[in-house]
Protein backbone atom coordinates (compact mmCIF):
# COMPACT_ATOMS: atom_id res chain seq x y z
CA UNK A 1 140.04 -58.19 39.00
CA UNK A 2 138.75 -58.72 42.53
CA UNK A 3 137.00 -56.14 44.68
CA UNK A 4 139.69 -53.92 46.19
CA UNK A 5 138.53 -53.93 49.80
CA UNK A 6 139.33 -51.88 52.89
CA UNK A 7 138.48 -53.58 56.19
CA UNK A 8 137.81 -51.20 59.09
CA UNK A 9 137.53 -53.53 62.08
CA UNK A 10 139.19 -53.39 65.50
CA UNK A 11 138.97 -57.09 66.39
CA UNK A 12 142.09 -58.96 65.33
CA UNK A 13 140.20 -62.27 65.52
CA UNK A 14 137.51 -61.05 63.14
CA UNK A 15 140.08 -59.51 60.76
CA UNK A 16 142.04 -62.77 60.64
CA UNK A 17 138.87 -64.68 59.77
CA UNK A 18 137.44 -62.16 57.30
CA UNK A 19 140.50 -61.53 55.13
CA UNK A 20 140.77 -65.10 53.75
CA UNK A 21 136.98 -65.57 53.74
CA UNK A 22 136.51 -62.43 51.61
CA UNK A 23 139.08 -63.73 49.13
CA UNK A 24 137.61 -67.25 49.00
CA UNK A 25 133.90 -66.49 49.19
CA UNK A 26 133.45 -63.00 47.79
CA UNK A 27 136.16 -62.34 45.19
CA UNK A 28 137.47 -59.53 47.40
CA UNK A 29 141.11 -58.67 48.06
CA UNK A 30 141.72 -56.81 51.31
CA UNK A 31 144.20 -54.10 50.33
CA UNK A 32 144.20 -52.25 53.66
CA UNK A 33 142.99 -52.63 57.23
CA UNK A 34 142.31 -50.09 59.94
CA UNK A 35 141.32 -50.39 63.60
CA UNK A 36 140.02 -46.87 64.26
CA UNK A 37 137.79 -44.36 62.49
CA UNK A 38 140.69 -41.96 61.90
CA UNK A 39 142.92 -44.73 60.50
CA UNK A 40 140.07 -45.87 58.26
CA UNK A 41 139.48 -42.38 56.92
CA UNK A 42 143.20 -41.90 56.29
CA UNK A 43 143.43 -45.18 54.37
CA UNK A 44 140.34 -44.47 52.28
CA UNK A 45 141.60 -40.98 51.45
CA UNK A 46 145.04 -42.28 50.52
CA UNK A 47 143.55 -44.93 48.22
CA UNK A 48 141.30 -42.36 46.53
CA UNK A 49 139.10 -43.96 43.90
CA UNK A 50 141.09 -47.22 43.74
CA UNK A 51 139.08 -49.01 46.44
CA UNK A 52 135.79 -50.73 45.55
CA UNK A 53 134.45 -51.89 48.90
CA UNK A 54 134.81 -50.69 52.48
CA UNK A 55 133.66 -53.08 55.20
CA UNK A 56 133.07 -51.04 58.35
CA UNK A 57 132.37 -52.06 61.94
CA UNK A 58 130.26 -49.60 63.93
CA UNK A 59 132.10 -49.76 67.24
CA UNK A 60 135.83 -49.27 66.76
CA UNK A 61 138.75 -48.97 69.12
CA UNK A 62 138.55 -45.20 68.59
CA UNK A 63 135.66 -43.46 66.95
CA UNK A 64 132.68 -44.91 65.16
CA UNK A 65 131.96 -46.51 61.84
CA UNK A 66 129.19 -43.93 61.49
CA UNK A 67 131.90 -41.25 61.27
CA UNK A 68 133.53 -43.18 58.43
CA UNK A 69 130.21 -43.51 56.59
CA UNK A 70 129.46 -39.80 56.99
CA UNK A 71 132.87 -38.80 55.62
CA UNK A 72 132.49 -41.07 52.58
CA UNK A 73 128.97 -40.11 51.61
CA UNK A 74 130.22 -38.39 48.43
CA UNK A 75 132.39 -41.31 47.27
CA UNK A 76 132.74 -42.44 43.64
CA UNK A 77 129.75 -44.25 42.17
CA UNK A 78 131.58 -47.61 41.96
CA UNK A 79 132.55 -47.56 45.65
CA UNK A 80 130.40 -49.52 48.10
CA UNK A 81 130.30 -49.33 51.88
CA UNK A 82 128.96 -52.17 54.01
CA UNK A 83 128.47 -52.18 57.76
CA UNK A 84 129.30 -55.51 59.40
CA UNK A 85 128.32 -55.32 63.06
CA UNK A 86 127.27 -57.20 66.17
CA UNK A 87 124.66 -54.48 66.80
CA UNK A 88 122.24 -54.67 63.86
CA UNK A 89 119.38 -52.84 65.54
CA UNK A 90 116.76 -51.13 63.41
CA UNK A 91 118.07 -47.76 64.64
CA UNK A 92 121.65 -48.61 63.59
CA UNK A 93 120.42 -49.91 60.24
CA UNK A 94 118.45 -46.70 59.65
CA UNK A 95 121.33 -44.43 60.67
CA UNK A 96 123.86 -46.40 58.63
CA UNK A 97 121.75 -46.28 55.48
CA UNK A 98 121.02 -42.57 55.98
CA UNK A 99 124.77 -41.93 56.21
CA UNK A 100 125.42 -43.75 52.95
CA UNK A 101 125.92 -47.43 53.75
CA UNK A 102 124.86 -49.67 50.91
CA UNK A 103 123.98 -52.50 53.29
CA UNK A 104 124.25 -53.65 56.90
CA UNK A 105 124.84 -57.23 58.03
CA UNK A 106 124.97 -58.93 61.43
CA UNK A 107 128.40 -60.52 62.05
CA UNK A 108 126.87 -63.29 64.14
CA UNK A 109 124.27 -64.67 61.74
CA UNK A 110 124.30 -62.92 58.34
CA UNK A 111 127.78 -63.71 57.01
CA UNK A 112 126.41 -65.86 54.17
CA UNK A 113 124.22 -62.98 53.03
CA UNK A 114 127.18 -60.61 53.38
CA UNK A 115 129.42 -62.74 51.14
CA UNK A 116 126.60 -63.17 48.60
CA UNK A 117 126.08 -59.39 48.58
CA UNK A 118 129.81 -58.89 47.94
CA UNK A 119 129.72 -61.32 45.01
CA UNK A 120 126.70 -59.52 43.51
CA UNK A 121 128.49 -56.21 44.03
CA UNK A 122 131.54 -57.50 42.16
CA UNK A 123 129.38 -58.77 39.29
CA UNK A 124 127.55 -55.43 39.14
CA UNK A 125 130.83 -53.51 39.22
CA UNK A 126 132.19 -55.54 36.31
CA UNK A 127 128.97 -54.92 34.37
CA UNK A 128 129.12 -51.19 35.09
CA UNK A 129 125.91 -51.17 37.14
CA UNK A 130 125.31 -49.14 40.29
CA UNK A 131 123.66 -52.13 42.02
CA UNK A 132 123.40 -53.74 44.55
CA UNK A 133 121.95 -51.73 47.39
CA UNK A 134 119.93 -53.14 50.29
């Protein structure tokens, strides 16, 4: 079974590119999308423990991906949260990881690493491991 993925991203262009790429390159099925922090939190809450991966942008149409990370800090052990952003500064990386992100990737030049991380996460999930974490 593929990674049940929630994509929290306000750019329609990026969503349209990521959904098929996640399926093809990362064994991830996008089961829900959200454009704002509040929509993302509502979707994650509704799905409960059934989601495996949340891909979160930092700057959303309304609210921040940091708000989503903070609210999901106590998620189930199999659930991973990844920040995919155009603003991968050291400060954003530090804050994201402190708030519970498992990894942070730059949308503009780290997509290969992002998809590889997702594949490793799926393999770890199937094996019952708590890895990977960057």
